[in-house]
């Protein structure tokens, strides 16, 4: 939970259990925010729920339709919503979320079919580890693409200059033959780019908000 908070990920508990039980568990795991129950949720309009959503950390005694409503409200605010669940009643909200995550051990077949991802265990920490790995892959792709663009633009620039100045300075035209260009690509382009694409995750990758 603390890692998610540092990474700019808001975690909310949505449960059918009693509100007191949910509050006790939230206190044990360090989950912040106030708690409301399904009856209170029914009394709130969408506008009121949107206004209060940032302060709510726990939804207790909720029905399946409440879960779907919560997901839709969060999506309407531009949030990227990941929903976890293991029961049949979680299937609609798992389907509605951007990323539905079913439980790999205790999850029902219906929830797994509705979800996008099914971890092999039921550990929330596994989801956090997957986010860390995903961020690392995304950063490596950015680094890889930036490096490839810079290398290829440099090569194009050199060839372009060669075409312009070659006749004036007596250079060969084209400046590089095909075999030389392939050699440059192999040495300065492909091998370093592969290494950049396999870099391990930075230690601080979960210390900032999502891009």
C-alpha atoms as a PDB file:
ATOM      1  CA  UNK A   1       0.000   0.000   0.000  1.00  0.00           C
ATOM      2  CA  UNK A   2       2.806   2.419   0.905  1.00  0.00           C
ATOM      3  CA  UNK A   3       4.590   1.634  -2.370  1.00  0.00           C
ATOM      4  CA  UNK A   4       1.418   2.372  -4.321  1.00  0.00           C
ATOM      5  CA  UNK A   5       0.953   5.681  -2.532  1.00  0.00           C
ATOM      6  CA  UNK A   6       4.539   6.692  -3.332  1.00  0.00           C
ATOM      7  CA  UNK A   7       3.965   5.684  -6.967  1.00  0.00           C
ATOM      8  CA  UNK A   8       0.877   7.881  -7.297  1.00  0.00           C
ATOM      9  CA  UNK A   9      -1.549   4.956  -7.304  1.00  0.00           C
ATOM     10  CA  UNK A  10      -4.743   5.422  -5.275  1.00  0.00           C
ATOM     11  CA  UNK A  11      -5.875   2.190  -3.609  1.00  0.00           C
ATOM     12  CA  UNK A  12      -9.509   1.751  -2.567  1.00  0.00           C
ATOM     13  CA  UNK A  13     -11.128  -1.167  -0.776  1.00  0.00           C
ATOM     14  CA  UNK A  14     -14.504  -2.295  -2.136  1.00  0.00           C
ATOM     15  CA  UNK A  15     -16.054  -5.076  -0.104  1.00  0.00           C
ATOM     16  CA  UNK A  16     -19.345  -6.667   0.772  1.00  0.00           C
ATOM     17  CA  UNK A  17     -18.215  -7.091   4.380  1.00  0.00           C
ATOM     18  CA  UNK A  18     -19.361  -5.048   7.349  1.00  0.00           C
ATOM     19  CA  UNK A  19     -18.015  -1.500   7.548  1.00  0.00           C
ATOM     20  CA  UNK A  20     -16.387  -2.078  10.952  1.00  0.00           C
ATOM     21  CA  UNK A  21     -14.566  -5.130   9.603  1.00  0.00           C
ATOM     22  CA  UNK A  22     -13.366  -3.151   6.580  1.00  0.00           C
ATOM     23  CA  UNK A  23     -12.148  -0.291   8.794  1.00  0.00           C
ATOM     24  CA  UNK A  24     -10.234  -2.698  11.025  1.00  0.00           C
ATOM     25  CA  UNK A  25      -8.477  -4.289   8.041  1.00  0.00           C
ATOM     26  CA  UNK A  26      -7.739  -0.871   6.529  1.00  0.00           C
ATOM     27  CA  UNK A  27      -6.107   0.218   9.795  1.00  0.00           C
ATOM     28  CA  UNK A  28      -3.911  -2.889   9.790  1.00  0.00           C
ATOM     29  CA  UNK A  29      -2.667  -2.385   6.218  1.00  0.00           C
ATOM     30  CA  UNK A  30      -2.363   1.400   6.356  1.00  0.00           C
ATOM     31  CA  UNK A  31      -5.122   2.166   3.854  1.00  0.00           C
ATOM     32  CA  UNK A  32      -6.170   5.836   4.217  1.00  0.00           C
ATOM     33  CA  UNK A  33      -9.567   7.439   3.614  1.00  0.00           C
ATOM     34  CA  UNK A  34     -13.032   7.462   5.092  1.00  0.00           C
ATOM     35  CA  UNK A  35     -15.546   4.624   4.750  1.00  0.00           C
ATOM     36  CA  UNK A  36     -19.075   4.631   3.365  1.00  0.00           C
ATOM     37  CA  UNK A  37     -21.532   1.779   2.908  1.00  0.00           C
ATOM     38  CA  UNK A  38     -23.781   0.776   0.062  1.00  0.00           C
ATOM     39  CA  UNK A  39     -26.854   2.443   1.576  1.00  0.00           C
ATOM     40  CA  UNK A  40     -25.034   5.775   1.751  1.00  0.00           C
ATOM     41  CA  UNK A  41     -23.751   5.263  -1.764  1.00  0.00           C
ATOM     42  CA  UNK A  42     -27.315   4.895  -3.041  1.00  0.00           C
ATOM     43  CA  UNK A  43     -28.225   8.276  -1.551  1.00  0.00           C
ATOM     44  CA  UNK A  44     -25.388  10.125  -3.289  1.00  0.00           C
ATOM     45  CA  UNK A  45     -25.797  11.526  -6.776  1.00  0.00           C
ATOM     46  CA  UNK A  46     -22.994  11.024  -9.288  1.00  0.00           C
ATOM     47  CA  UNK A  47     -21.919  14.651  -8.818  1.00  0.00           C
ATOM     48  CA  UNK A  48     -21.792  14.248  -5.037  1.00  0.00           C
ATOM     49  CA  UNK A  49     -19.872  10.970  -5.323  1.00  0.00           C
ATOM     50  CA  UNK A  50     -17.349  12.550  -7.703  1.00  0.00           C
ATOM     51  CA  UNK A  51     -16.776  15.356  -5.201  1.00  0.00           C
ATOM     52  CA  UNK A  52     -16.259  12.951  -2.295  1.00  0.00           C
ATOM     53  CA  UNK A  53     -14.368  10.229  -4.170  1.00  0.00           C
ATOM     54  CA  UNK A  54     -10.817  11.498  -3.350  1.00  0.00           C
ATOM     55  CA  UNK A  55     -11.548  11.256   0.399  1.00  0.00           C
ATOM     56  CA  UNK A  56     -13.149   7.795   0.310  1.00  0.00           C
ATOM     57  CA  UNK A  57     -10.839   4.842   0.812  1.00  0.00           C
ATOM     58  CA  UNK A  58     -13.334   2.126   1.790  1.00  0.00           C
ATOM     59  CA  UNK A  59     -16.651   1.062   0.291  1.00  0.00           C
ATOM     60  CA  UNK A  60     -18.379  -1.483   2.546  1.00  0.00           C
ATOM     61  CA  UNK A  61     -21.581  -3.490   2.231  1.00  0.00           C
ATOM     62  CA  UNK A  62     -21.699  -2.884  -1.497  1.00  0.00           C
ATOM     63  CA  UNK A  63     -23.590  -4.783  -4.182  1.00  0.00           C
ATOM     64  CA  UNK A  64     -22.284  -5.667  -7.669  1.00  0.00           C
ATOM     65  CA  UNK A  65     -24.009  -2.630  -9.203  1.00  0.00           C
ATOM     66  CA  UNK A  66     -22.232  -0.383  -6.723  1.00  0.00           C
ATOM     67  CA  UNK A  67     -18.853  -1.717  -7.864  1.00  0.00           C
ATOM     68  CA  UNK A  68     -19.683  -1.003 -11.494  1.00  0.00           C
ATOM     69  CA  UNK A  69     -20.843   2.511 -10.577  1.00  0.00           C
ATOM     70  CA  UNK A  70     -17.626   3.228  -8.678  1.00  0.00           C
ATOM     71  CA  UNK A  71     -15.530   2.086 -11.635  1.00  0.00           C
ATOM     72  CA  UNK A  72     -17.559   4.235 -14.058  1.00  0.00           C
ATOM     73  CA  UNK A  73     -17.226   7.290 -11.804  1.00  0.00           C
ATOM     74  CA  UNK A  74     -13.451   6.868 -11.594  1.00  0.00           C
ATOM     75  CA  UNK A  75     -13.199   6.391 -15.365  1.00  0.00           C
ATOM     76  CA  UNK A  76     -15.270   9.526 -15.983  1.00  0.00           C
ATOM     77  CA  UNK A  77     -12.647  11.476 -14.039  1.00  0.00           C
ATOM     78  CA  UNK A  78      -9.894  10.328 -16.364  1.00  0.00           C
ATOM     79  CA  UNK A  79      -8.507   7.718 -13.974  1.00  0.00           C
ATOM     80  CA  UNK A  80      -6.943   4.500 -15.273  1.00  0.00           C
ATOM     81  CA  UNK A  81      -8.845   1.924 -13.236  1.00  0.00           C
ATOM     82  CA  UNK A  82      -7.611  -1.537 -12.274  1.00  0.00           C
ATOM     83  CA  UNK A  83     -10.149  -3.718 -10.448  1.00  0.00           C
ATOM     84  CA  UNK A  84      -9.461  -6.913  -8.526  1.00  0.00           C
ATOM     85  CA  UNK A  85     -11.995  -9.576  -7.683  1.00  0.00           C
ATOM     86  CA  UNK A  86     -12.549 -13.293  -7.244  1.00  0.00           C
ATOM     87  CA  UNK A  87     -16.302 -13.903  -7.211  1.00  0.00           C
ATOM     88  CA  UNK A  88     -19.081 -14.126  -9.759  1.00  0.00           C
ATOM     89  CA  UNK A  89     -20.481 -10.807  -8.527  1.00  0.00           C
ATOM     90  CA  UNK A  90     -17.148  -9.134  -9.372  1.00  0.00           C
ATOM     91  CA  UNK A  91     -17.356 -10.042 -13.059  1.00  0.00           C
ATOM     92  CA  UNK A  92     -19.299  -6.921 -14.225  1.00  0.00           C
ATOM     93  CA  UNK A  93     -16.875  -4.511 -12.548  1.00  0.00           C
ATOM     94  CA  UNK A  94     -13.851  -6.501 -13.765  1.00  0.00           C
ATOM     95  CA  UNK A  95     -15.216  -6.169 -17.295  1.00  0.00           C
ATOM     96  CA  UNK A  96     -15.955  -2.457 -16.867  1.00  0.00           C
ATOM     97  CA  UNK A  97     -12.493  -1.535 -15.530  1.00  0.00           C
ATOM     98  CA  UNK A  98      -9.627  -0.671 -17.839  1.00  0.00           C
ATOM     99  CA  UNK A  99      -7.713  -3.618 -16.370  1.00  0.00           C
ATOM    100  CA  UNK A 100      -9.601  -6.442 -14.661  1.00  0.00           C
ATOM    101  CA  UNK A 101      -7.486  -8.613 -12.369  1.00  0.00           C
ATOM    102  CA  UNK A 102      -8.927 -11.944 -11.205  1.00  0.00           C
ATOM    103  CA  UNK A 103      -7.453 -14.058  -8.438  1.00  0.00           C
ATOM    104  CA  UNK A 104      -5.461 -17.059  -9.628  1.00  0.00           C
ATOM    105  CA  UNK A 105      -6.144 -19.358  -6.662  1.00  0.00           C
ATOM    106  CA  UNK A 106      -9.563 -18.503  -5.225  1.00  0.00           C
ATOM    107  CA  UNK A 107     -10.962 -16.786  -8.309  1.00  0.00           C
ATOM    108  CA  UNK A 108     -14.029 -18.266  -9.962  1.00  0.00           C
ATOM    109  CA  UNK A 109     -14.081 -19.263 -13.615  1.00  0.00           C
ATOM    110  CA  UNK A 110     -16.514 -16.409 -14.314  1.00  0.00           C
ATOM    111  CA  UNK A 111     -14.221 -13.766 -12.793  1.00  0.00           C
ATOM    112  CA  UNK A 112     -11.210 -15.153 -14.647  1.00  0.00           C
ATOM    113  CA  UNK A 113     -13.096 -15.074 -17.946  1.00  0.00           C
ATOM    114  CA  UNK A 114     -14.144 -11.458 -17.375  1.00  0.00           C
ATOM    115  CA  UNK A 115     -10.688 -10.281 -16.277  1.00  0.00           C
ATOM    116  CA  UNK A 116      -7.768  -9.174 -18.422  1.00  0.00           C
ATOM    117  CA  UNK A 117      -5.066 -10.512 -16.092  1.00  0.00           C
ATOM    118  CA  UNK A 118      -5.016 -13.509 -13.736  1.00  0.00           C
ATOM    119  CA  UNK A 119      -1.988 -13.653 -11.405  1.00  0.00           C
ATOM    120  CA  UNK A 120      -0.911 -17.091 -10.266  1.00  0.00           C
ATOM    121  CA  UNK A 121      -1.464 -16.131  -6.632  1.00  0.00           C
ATOM    122  CA  UNK A 122      -3.894 -13.943  -4.688  1.00  0.00           C
ATOM    123  CA  UNK A 123      -1.241 -11.593  -3.332  1.00  0.00           C
ATOM    124  CA  UNK A 124      -1.746  -7.849  -3.823  1.00  0.00           C
ATOM    125  CA  UNK A 125       2.044  -7.440  -3.756  1.00  0.00           C
ATOM    126  CA  UNK A 126       2.203  -9.405  -7.019  1.00  0.00           C
ATOM    127  CA  UNK A 127       0.171  -6.662  -8.716  1.00  0.00           C
ATOM    128  CA  UNK A 128       2.568  -4.016  -7.367  1.00  0.00           C
ATOM    129  CA  UNK A 129       5.531  -6.024  -8.693  1.00  0.00           C
ATOM    130  CA  UNK A 130       3.834  -6.260 -12.097  1.00  0.00           C
ATOM    131  CA  UNK A 131       3.370  -2.476 -12.156  1.00  0.00           C
ATOM    132  CA  UNK A 132       7.057  -1.997 -11.332  1.00  0.00           C
ATOM    133  CA  UNK A 133       8.037  -4.373 -14.131  1.00  0.00           C
ATOM    134  CA  UNK A 134       5.655  -2.683 -16.569  1.00  0.00           C
ATOM    135  CA  UNK A 135       7.070   0.749 -15.774  1.00  0.00           C
ATOM    136  CA  UNK A 136      10.579  -0.581 -16.329  1.00  0.00           C
ATOM    137  CA  UNK A 137       9.606  -1.977 -19.737  1.00  0.00           C
ATOM    138  CA  UNK A 138       7.955   1.319 -20.688  1.00  0.00           C
ATOM    139  CA  UNK A 139      11.028   3.331 -19.703  1.00  0.00           C
ATOM    140  CA  UNK A 140      13.305   0.964 -21.623  1.00  0.00           C
ATOM    141  CA  UNK A 141      11.131   1.336 -24.716  1.00  0.00           C
ATOM    142  CA  UNK A 142      11.380   5.138 -24.429  1.00  0.00           C
ATOM    143  CA  UNK A 143      15.168   4.944 -24.049  1.00  0.00           C
ATOM    144  CA  UNK A 144      15.461   2.459 -26.921  1.00  0.00           C
ATOM    145  CA  UNK A 145      13.356   4.583 -29.289  1.00  0.00           C
ATOM    146  CA  UNK A 146      15.133   7.845 -28.368  1.00  0.00           C
ATOM    147  CA  UNK A 147      18.509   6.226 -28.995  1.00  0.00           C
ATOM    148  CA  UNK A 148      17.438   4.701 -32.314  1.00  0.00           C
ATOM    149  CA  UNK A 149      15.977   7.996 -33.551  1.00  0.00           C
ATOM    150  CA  UNK A 150      19.068   9.971 -32.592  1.00  0.00           C
ATOM    151  CA  UNK A 151      21.416   7.461 -34.275  1.00  0.00           C
ATOM    152  CA  UNK A 152      19.407   7.263 -37.478  1.00  0.00           C
ATOM    153  CA  UNK A 153      18.906  11.021 -37.681  1.00  0.00           C
ATOM    154  CA  UNK A 154      22.666  11.483 -37.287  1.00  0.00           C
ATOM    155  CA  UNK A 155      23.328   9.036 -40.107  1.00  0.00           C
ATOM    156  CA  UNK A 156      20.768  10.726 -42.358  1.00  0.00           C
ATOM    157  CA  UNK A 157      22.287  14.115 -41.571  1.00  0.00           C
ATOM    158  CA  UNK A 158      25.807  12.921 -42.467  1.00  0.00           C
ATOM    159  CA  UNK A 159      24.592  11.379 -45.739  1.00  0.00           C
ATOM    160  CA  UNK A 160      22.624  14.549 -46.551  1.00  0.00           C
ATOM    161  CA  UNK A 161      25.687  16.740 -45.904  1.00  0.00           C
ATOM    162  CA  UNK A 162      27.758  14.393 -48.033  1.00  0.00           C
ATOM    163  CA  UNK A 163      25.318  14.744 -50.947  1.00  0.00           C
ATOM    164  CA  UNK A 164      25.406  18.557 -50.667  1.00  0.00           C
ATOM    165  CA  UNK A 165      29.139  19.031 -50.161  1.00  0.00           C
ATOM    166  CA  UNK A 166      30.443  15.993 -52.029  1.00  0.00           C
ATOM    167  CA  UNK A 167      30.582  17.621 -55.478  1.00  0.00           C
ATOM    168  CA  UNK A 168      32.176  20.784 -54.028  1.00  0.00           C
ATOM    169  CA  UNK A 169      34.841  19.059 -51.919  1.00  0.00           C
ATOM    170  CA  UNK A 170      35.466  16.166 -54.244  1.00  0.00           C
ATOM    171  CA  UNK A 171      34.020  13.496 -51.952  1.00  0.00           C
ATOM    172  CA  UNK A 172      32.663  10.256 -53.284  1.00  0.00           C
ATOM    173  CA  UNK A 173      28.919  10.161 -53.921  1.00  0.00           C
ATOM    174  CA  UNK A 174      27.239   8.671 -52.030  1.00  0.00           C
ATOM    175  CA  UNK A 175      29.432   9.377 -49.015  1.00  0.00           C
ATOM    176  CA  UNK A 176      28.859   5.869 -47.607  1.00  0.00           C
ATOM    177  CA  UNK A 177      28.378   2.703 -49.589  1.00  0.00           C
ATOM    178  CA  UNK A 178      25.698   0.224 -48.505  1.00  0.00           C
ATOM    179  CA  UNK A 179      28.163  -2.046 -46.695  1.00  0.00           C
ATOM    180  CA  UNK A 180      29.494   0.860 -44.620  1.00  0.00           C
ATOM    181  CA  UNK A 181      25.969   1.903 -43.624  1.00  0.00           C
ATOM    182  CA  UNK A 182      25.151  -1.654 -42.557  1.00  0.00           C
ATOM    183  CA  UNK A 183      28.366  -1.809 -40.510  1.00  0.00           C
ATOM    184  CA  UNK A 184      27.546   1.495 -38.761  1.00  0.00           C
ATOM    185  CA  UNK A 185      24.043   0.216 -37.984  1.00  0.00           C
ATOM    186  CA  UNK A 186      25.418  -2.982 -36.499  1.00  0.00           C
ATOM    187  CA  UNK A 187      28.058  -1.327 -34.299  1.00  0.00           C
ATOM    188  CA  UNK A 188      26.410   1.949 -33.218  1.00  0.00           C
ATOM    189  CA  UNK A 189      22.730   1.128 -33.580  1.00  0.00           C
ATOM    190  CA  UNK A 190      21.569  -2.400 -32.969  1.00  0.00           C
ATOM    191  CA  UNK A 191      23.819  -3.778 -30.214  1.00  0.00           C
ATOM    192  CA  UNK A 192      23.679  -0.711 -27.888  1.00  0.00           C
ATOM    193  CA  UNK A 193      19.911  -0.437 -28.438  1.00  0.00           C
ATOM    194  CA  UNK A 194      19.417  -4.075 -27.403  1.00  0.00           C
ATOM    195  CA  UNK A 195      21.372  -3.423 -24.210  1.00  0.00           C
ATOM    196  CA  UNK A 196      19.233  -0.330 -23.473  1.00  0.00           C
ATOM    197  CA  UNK A 197      16.085  -2.414 -23.957  1.00  0.00           C
ATOM    198  CA  UNK A 198      17.232  -4.907 -21.303  1.00  0.00           C
ATOM    199  CA  UNK A 199      18.163  -2.445 -18.560  1.00  0.00           C
ATOM    200  CA  UNK A 200      16.912  -3.424 -15.053  1.00  0.00           C
ATOM    201  CA  UNK A 201      14.335  -1.289 -13.278  1.00  0.00           C
ATOM    202  CA  UNK A 202      15.611   1.802 -11.488  1.00  0.00           C
ATOM    203  CA  UNK A 203      15.412   1.664  -7.693  1.00  0.00           C
ATOM    204  CA  UNK A 204      13.287   4.848  -7.696  1.00  0.00           C
ATOM    205  CA  UNK A 205      10.896   3.811 -10.437  1.00  0.00           C
ATOM    206  CA  UNK A 206       8.003   3.501  -7.944  1.00  0.00           C
ATOM    207  CA  UNK A 207       8.715   6.847  -6.291  1.00  0.00           C
ATOM    208  CA  UNK A 208       6.879   9.021  -8.799  1.00  0.00           C
ATOM    209  CA  UNK A 209       3.397   9.390 -10.237  1.00  0.00           C
ATOM    210  CA  UNK A 210       2.495   7.661 -13.517  1.00  0.00           C
ATOM    211  CA  UNK A 211       3.404   9.474 -16.728  1.00  0.00           C
END
